[in-house]
Amino acid sequence: MVRNVAGLLPELDEEDFYLLSGVEQGMRFSEWVQREKLPKFTNMTEEEVDYRLERCLKRGLVEKETIQYEGYTLQFEGYDVLALRALVEQDTISEFGSPLGVGKESDVYEVRSYKPLALKYHREGYTNFREVHKERDYASDKEHVSWMYTARKAAEREHDILEDLYPDVSVPQPIDQNRHAIVMEKMDGVELSRTKLEDDQVVGVLDLLVSEIERAHEIGYVHADMSEYNVFVDKGGVTIFDWPQAVPTDHENADEFLRRDLGNVVGYFRRKYPQHVPDDVASDDLAASIEDGSFETVTEFV
């Protein structure tokens, strides 16, 4: 888990952000930025650069390594600070709260502005860079990309997809995005994996979920990573989140991903509620009905 940096903002001077932004700029060309180039990237004197490097090293915002040269790179905490400060300056965020969820590819915190919101830091490429670089469309065509690029592209992609889907599909409303961070509405309810549905709710919730998948497909997207862990359930229905890996419906593997998504959803309900979702509910039939536009309700298949 990457450390929460919200408490560092009051400690940092304007020049500390110049230093962090300079390292960020240098990382466009190399993972490790040569010390000699930092005065140019930061527009500061060598003495000021040294002082700011010491402050940022002490706070774990940058890392130093000496191989053929003295080089510096941003830690994820340094990237977090840059994104968080930008969102504060844009008046997107006024208060920072507690963690809402910590995962392999993202950290989510409660924040506030005019209402409770959620701030999601993308972590793609930080701990599993090789896997993400290979699998994600926004990175797979690049030979040399950093974790910083991968995380930023994931955030940009998810934000764009949410803007396309909302409000026609039940997804979190996107509010703002900067670097690898997205601000979105805070979801109500409970994760589907932790929900115990009553007998008379099972088929109805499954129908709501498949209907949202169908609407996303109609707009032009397949989630491509559907499971019981990225669906929230509340009294108003279901909300599907985590969309950075979604693919357009004209993607060469879209049909396969749609069938896998539906197989994951139907399989979960079948395992947890076997008396309501029998084995003969075929995800392939559901997928075919979504693709040809004939899907109306899950009850036709149960």
Protein backbone atom coordinates (compact mmCIF):
# COMPACT_ATOMS: atom_id res chain seq x y z
CA MET A 1 0.00 0.00 0.00
CA VAL A 2 1.25 3.45 -0.94
CA ARG A 3 1.31 5.89 1.96
CA ASN A 4 -1.42 8.54 2.28
CA VAL A 5 0.25 11.86 1.47
CA ALA A 6 -2.60 14.27 2.27
CA GLY A 7 -0.93 15.31 5.51
CA LEU A 8 2.21 16.35 3.65
CA LEU A 9 0.58 19.13 1.64
CA PRO A 10 0.84 21.79 4.40
CA GLU A 11 4.53 20.89 4.94
CA LEU A 12 5.61 21.46 1.35
CA ASP A 13 6.75 24.77 -0.12
CA GLU A 14 6.03 26.00 -3.63
CA GLU A 15 9.63 25.21 -4.56
CA ASP A 16 9.20 21.59 -3.44
CA PHE A 17 6.49 21.24 -6.06
CA TYR A 18 8.80 22.83 -8.64
CA LEU A 19 11.29 20.08 -7.82
CA LEU A 20 8.71 17.30 -8.06
CA SER A 21 7.34 18.68 -11.32
CA GLY A 22 10.87 18.89 -12.69
CA VAL A 23 11.54 15.23 -11.87
CA GLU A 24 8.19 14.37 -13.45
CA GLN A 25 9.16 16.24 -16.61
CA GLY A 26 12.53 14.52 -16.76
CA MET A 27 10.91 11.10 -16.40
CA ARG A 28 9.30 11.59 -19.82
CA PHE A 29 12.73 10.81 -21.23
CA SER A 30 14.25 8.44 -18.68
CA GLU A 31 13.20 6.51 -15.58
CA TRP A 32 16.04 8.13 -13.65
CA VAL A 33 16.59 11.87 -14.14
CA GLN A 34 20.19 13.06 -14.02
CA ARG A 35 20.91 15.47 -11.19
CA GLU A 36 22.66 17.83 -13.62
CA LYS A 37 19.47 18.27 -15.64
CA LEU A 38 17.22 19.22 -12.74
CA PRO A 39 18.08 22.96 -12.69
CA LYS A 40 16.83 23.17 -16.28
CA PHE A 41 13.67 21.17 -15.58
CA THR A 42 12.86 23.09 -12.38
CA ASN A 43 14.12 26.57 -13.29
CA MET A 44 15.99 26.67 -9.97
CA THR A 45 19.62 27.09 -9.03
CA GLU A 46 21.77 24.06 -8.26
CA GLU A 47 21.85 25.03 -4.59
CA GLU A 48 18.06 25.28 -4.44
CA VAL A 49 17.70 21.95 -6.26
CA ASP A 50 19.97 20.27 -3.69
CA TYR A 51 17.97 21.70 -0.80
CA ARG A 52 14.63 20.64 -2.29
CA LEU A 53 15.94 17.19 -3.15
CA GLU A 54 16.91 16.72 0.48
CA ARG A 55 13.44 17.73 1.65
CA CYS A 56 11.67 15.47 -0.83
CA LEU A 57 13.99 12.53 -0.14
CA LYS A 58 13.32 12.90 3.59
CA ARG A 59 9.58 12.71 2.95
CA GLY A 60 9.81 9.72 0.63
CA LEU A 61 8.57 11.60 -2.42
CA VAL A 62 11.59 10.91 -4.62
CA GLU A 63 14.20 8.18 -4.74
CA LYS A 64 17.92 8.49 -5.47
CA GLU A 65 20.12 5.97 -7.23
CA THR A 66 23.68 6.17 -8.46
CA ILE A 67 24.64 3.89 -11.33
CA GLN A 68 26.53 5.65 -14.11
CA TYR A 69 25.23 8.96 -12.82
CA GLU A 70 23.34 10.41 -9.86
CA GLY A 71 19.69 10.01 -10.76
CA TYR A 72 16.31 10.73 -9.19
CA THR A 73 12.85 9.34 -9.80
CA LEU A 74 9.42 10.02 -8.35
CA GLN A 75 8.01 7.65 -5.81
CA PHE A 76 4.28 7.05 -6.16
CA GLU A 77 3.85 9.30 -3.11
CA GLY A 78 5.50 12.12 -5.05
CA TYR A 79 3.13 11.60 -7.96
CA ASP A 80 0.20 11.49 -5.52
CA VAL A 81 1.23 14.83 -4.04
CA LEU A 82 1.36 16.47 -7.48
CA ALA A 83 -2.08 15.17 -8.45
CA LEU A 84 -3.65 15.96 -5.07
CA ARG A 85 -2.33 19.53 -5.04
CA ALA A 86 -3.65 20.14 -8.56
CA LEU A 87 -7.11 18.88 -7.58
CA VAL A 88 -7.11 21.08 -4.48
CA GLU A 89 -6.08 24.13 -6.53
CA GLN A 90 -8.87 23.36 -9.01
CA ASP A 91 -11.35 23.42 -6.07
CA THR A 92 -12.31 19.82 -6.84
CA ILE A 93 -11.33 18.70 -3.34
CA SER A 94 -11.59 20.63 -0.09
CA GLU A 95 -11.19 17.86 2.51
CA PHE A 96 -9.44 14.50 2.59
CA GLY A 97 -10.90 11.53 4.46
CA SER A 98 -10.28 7.88 5.23
CA PRO A 99 -9.50 4.99 2.87
CA LEU A 100 -12.46 3.41 1.09
CA GLY A 101 -10.55 0.61 -0.57
CA VAL A 102 -6.99 -0.47 -1.26
CA GLY A 103 -6.19 -2.85 -4.09
CA LYS A 104 -3.40 -4.08 -6.30
CA GLU A 105 -4.12 -1.52 -9.00
CA SER A 106 -5.71 1.40 -7.11
CA ASP A 107 -6.17 3.16 -3.78
CA VAL A 108 -9.48 4.90 -3.10
CA TYR A 109 -10.10 7.58 -0.44
CA GLU A 110 -13.12 9.52 0.68
CA VAL A 111 -12.80 13.24 -0.08
CA ARG A 112 -15.22 16.14 0.09
CA SER A 113 -16.15 19.17 -1.89
CA TYR A 114 -19.80 20.20 -2.12
CA LYS A 115 -20.67 16.59 -1.24
CA PRO A 116 -18.80 13.37 -0.33
CA LEU A 117 -16.70 12.15 -3.25
CA ALA A 118 -14.18 9.41 -3.91
CA LEU A 119 -10.59 9.95 -5.01
CA LYS A 120 -9.04 7.03 -6.88
CA TYR A 121 -5.29 6.83 -7.42
CA HIS A 122 -4.42 4.40 -10.20
CA ARG A 123 -1.46 2.15 -9.35
CA GLU A 124 -1.23 0.14 -12.59
CA GLY A 125 2.33 -0.68 -13.44
CA TYR A 126 3.77 0.03 -9.99
CA THR A 127 3.96 -3.52 -8.61
CA ASN A 128 2.92 -5.54 -11.67
CA PHE A 129 4.34 -3.43 -14.48
CA ARG A 130 5.22 -6.25 -16.87
CA GLU A 131 1.75 -7.82 -16.68
CA VAL A 132 -0.12 -4.54 -17.08
CA HIS A 133 2.17 -3.35 -19.87
CA LYS A 134 1.48 -6.53 -21.80
CA GLU A 135 -2.29 -6.76 -21.24
CA ARG A 136 -3.60 -3.21 -21.36
CA ASP A 137 -4.28 -1.66 -24.77
CA TYR A 138 -3.10 1.77 -23.68
CA ALA A 139 0.39 0.41 -22.91
CA SER A 140 0.89 -2.68 -25.06
CA ASP A 141 1.92 -0.77 -28.19
CA LYS A 142 4.65 1.13 -26.36
CA GLU A 143 8.10 -0.38 -26.09
CA HIS A 144 9.35 1.88 -23.31
CA VAL A 145 6.82 3.19 -20.81
CA SER A 146 7.09 3.95 -17.12
CA TRP A 147 4.70 3.07 -14.32
CA MET A 148 3.87 6.78 -14.24
CA TYR A 149 2.75 6.76 -17.88
CA THR A 150 0.78 3.53 -17.41
CA ALA A 151 -1.07 4.82 -14.33
CA ARG A 152 -1.85 8.18 -15.93
CA LYS A 153 -3.17 6.56 -19.11
CA ALA A 154 -5.34 4.22 -17.02
CA ALA A 155 -6.85 7.19 -15.19
CA GLU A 156 -7.43 9.15 -18.40
CA ARG A 157 -9.01 6.13 -20.04
CA GLU A 158 -11.30 5.34 -17.12
CA HIS A 159 -12.38 8.97 -16.79
CA ASP A 160 -13.19 9.16 -20.52
CA ILE A 161 -15.18 5.90 -20.42
CA LEU A 162 -17.16 7.00 -17.35
CA GLU A 163 -18.01 10.26 -19.13
CA ASP A 164 -19.27 8.24 -22.11
CA LEU A 165 -21.35 5.88 -19.97
CA TYR A 166 -22.78 8.21 -17.33
CA PRO A 167 -25.71 8.60 -16.73
CA ASP A 168 -27.12 6.03 -19.17
CA VAL A 169 -25.26 3.22 -17.40
CA SER A 170 -25.14 2.96 -13.63
CA VAL A 171 -21.51 3.94 -13.06
CA PRO A 172 -19.96 6.49 -10.68
CA GLN A 173 -20.33 10.03 -11.97
CA PRO A 174 -16.89 11.33 -13.03
CA ILE A 175 -16.03 14.72 -11.49
CA ASP A 176 -12.39 15.48 -12.38
CA GLN A 177 -9.08 13.87 -13.31
CA ASN A 178 -5.42 14.82 -12.93
CA ARG A 179 -2.42 12.65 -13.75
CA HIS A 180 -3.18 9.18 -12.31
CA ALA A 181 -6.05 10.35 -10.07
CA ILE A 182 -9.80 10.44 -10.69
CA VAL A 183 -12.42 12.14 -8.54
CA MET A 184 -15.87 10.60 -8.83
CA GLU A 185 -19.07 10.40 -6.87
CA LYS A 186 -18.89 8.24 -3.76
CA MET A 187 -20.88 5.06 -4.22
CA ASP A 188 -23.51 3.96 -1.75
CA GLY A 189 -24.25 0.37 -0.86
CA VAL A 190 -22.24 -2.80 -0.36
CA GLU A 191 -19.93 -4.72 -2.64
CA LEU A 192 -21.83 -7.57 -4.31
CA SER A 193 -19.36 -10.12 -2.96
CA ARG A 194 -20.34 -9.13 0.61
CA THR A 195 -24.08 -8.88 -0.05
CA LYS A 196 -26.54 -11.55 1.14
CA LEU A 197 -29.60 -11.22 -1.05
CA GLU A 198 -33.03 -12.38 -0.01
CA ASP A 199 -34.60 -15.15 -2.08
CA ASP A 200 -36.92 -12.78 -3.89
CA GLN A 201 -34.06 -10.41 -4.75
CA VAL A 202 -31.62 -12.77 -6.46
CA VAL A 203 -32.97 -12.89 -10.01
CA GLY A 204 -33.92 -9.21 -9.87
CA VAL A 205 -30.38 -8.10 -8.97
CA LEU A 206 -28.88 -10.40 -11.61
CA ASP A 207 -31.29 -8.90 -14.14
CA LEU A 208 -30.30 -5.35 -13.13
CA LEU A 209 -26.61 -6.20 -13.52
CA VAL A 210 -26.97 -7.86 -16.93
CA SER A 211 -29.15 -4.95 -18.07
CA GLU A 212 -26.35 -2.51 -17.18
CA ILE A 213 -23.86 -4.66 -19.10
CA GLU A 214 -26.28 -4.59 -22.05
CA ARG A 215 -26.61 -0.79 -21.91
CA ALA A 216 -22.84 -0.35 -21.80
CA HIS A 217 -22.56 -2.63 -24.83
CA GLU A 218 -25.18 -0.58 -26.66
CA ILE A 219 -23.18 2.59 -25.99
CA GLY A 220 -20.06 0.83 -27.24
CA TYR A 221 -18.12 -0.72 -24.33
CA VAL A 222 -17.42 -4.10 -22.77
CA HIS A 223 -16.17 -3.95 -19.17
CA ALA A 224 -13.72 -6.84 -19.69
CA ASP A 225 -13.08 -7.44 -15.98
CA MET A 226 -16.52 -8.04 -14.47
CA SER A 227 -16.77 -9.82 -11.15
CA GLU A 228 -18.62 -9.64 -7.85
CA TYR A 229 -15.84 -7.34 -6.60
CA ASN A 230 -16.56 -4.37 -8.86
CA VAL A 231 -20.32 -4.10 -8.37
CA PHE A 232 -22.03 -2.19 -5.57
CA VAL A 233 -25.59 -3.02 -4.54
CA ASP A 234 -27.94 -0.67 -2.71
CA LYS A 235 -31.66 -0.03 -2.45
CA GLY A 236 -31.54 1.94 -5.71
CA GLY A 237 -29.99 -0.85 -7.77
CA VAL A 238 -26.46 -1.74 -8.82
CA THR A 239 -23.40 0.34 -9.74
CA ILE A 240 -20.53 -1.03 -11.83
CA PHE A 241 -17.09 0.44 -11.22
CA ASP A 242 -13.44 -0.09 -12.31
CA TRP A 243 -13.51 0.57 -16.07
CA PRO A 244 -9.89 1.28 -17.14
CA GLN A 245 -9.50 -2.05 -18.96
CA ALA A 246 -12.83 -1.76 -20.82
CA VAL A 247 -12.69 -2.23 -24.58
CA PRO A 248 -14.88 -0.83 -27.38
CA THR A 249 -17.38 -3.24 -28.89
CA ASP A 250 -15.45 -3.22 -32.16
CA HIS A 251 -12.32 -4.52 -30.41
CA GLU A 252 -11.11 -7.82 -31.84
CA ASN A 253 -11.64 -9.57 -28.50
CA ALA A 254 -14.84 -7.78 -27.44
CA ASP A 255 -17.07 -10.84 -27.99
CA GLU A 256 -14.75 -13.00 -25.92
CA PHE A 257 -14.61 -10.42 -23.12
CA LEU A 258 -18.39 -10.03 -23.08
CA ARG A 259 -18.84 -13.78 -22.69
CA ARG A 260 -16.23 -13.87 -19.96
CA ASP A 261 -17.90 -10.98 -18.11
CA LEU A 262 -21.30 -12.66 -18.25
CA GLY A 263 -19.76 -16.02 -17.33
CA ASN A 264 -18.21 -14.44 -14.23
CA VAL A 265 -21.48 -12.80 -13.20
CA VAL A 266 -23.74 -15.79 -13.85
CA GLY A 267 -21.16 -18.14 -12.31
CA TYR A 268 -21.06 -16.10 -9.11
CA PHE A 269 -24.86 -16.09 -8.75
CA ARG A 270 -25.01 -19.79 -9.60
CA ARG A 271 -22.47 -20.66 -6.90
CA LYS A 272 -24.00 -18.46 -4.21
CA TYR A 273 -27.70 -18.92 -5.07
CA PRO A 274 -27.93 -22.29 -6.88
CA GLN A 275 -31.63 -22.70 -6.09
CA HIS A 276 -32.43 -19.52 -8.05
CA VAL A 277 -29.86 -19.60 -10.88
CA PRO A 278 -29.74 -23.12 -12.34
CA ASP A 279 -26.89 -24.63 -14.31
CA ASP A 280 -28.71 -24.26 -17.61
CA VAL A 281 -28.51 -20.45 -17.57
CA ALA A 282 -25.99 -20.04 -20.39
CA SER A 283 -23.82 -16.93 -20.47
CA ASP A 284 -23.21 -17.53 -24.19
CA ASP A 285 -26.96 -17.22 -24.84
CA LEU A 286 -27.08 -14.01 -22.80
CA ALA A 287 -24.12 -12.63 -24.75
CA ALA A 288 -25.70 -13.51 -28.08
CA SER A 289 -28.93 -11.75 -27.11
CA ILE A 290 -26.98 -8.63 -26.09
CA GLU A 291 -24.99 -8.63 -29.31
CA ASP A 292 -28.03 -8.98 -31.57
CA GLY A 293 -30.09 -6.48 -29.57
CA SER A 294 -32.77 -8.93 -28.49
CA PHE A 295 -32.01 -9.00 -24.74
CA GLU A 296 -34.93 -7.89 -22.58
CA THR A 297 -34.70 -9.67 -19.24
CA VAL A 298 -32.75 -12.43 -17.50
CA THR A 299 -36.00 -14.13 -16.56
CA GLU A 300 -36.22 -15.43 -20.13
CA PHE A 301 -33.10 -17.50 -19.42
CA VAL A 302 -33.79 -18.63 -15.84
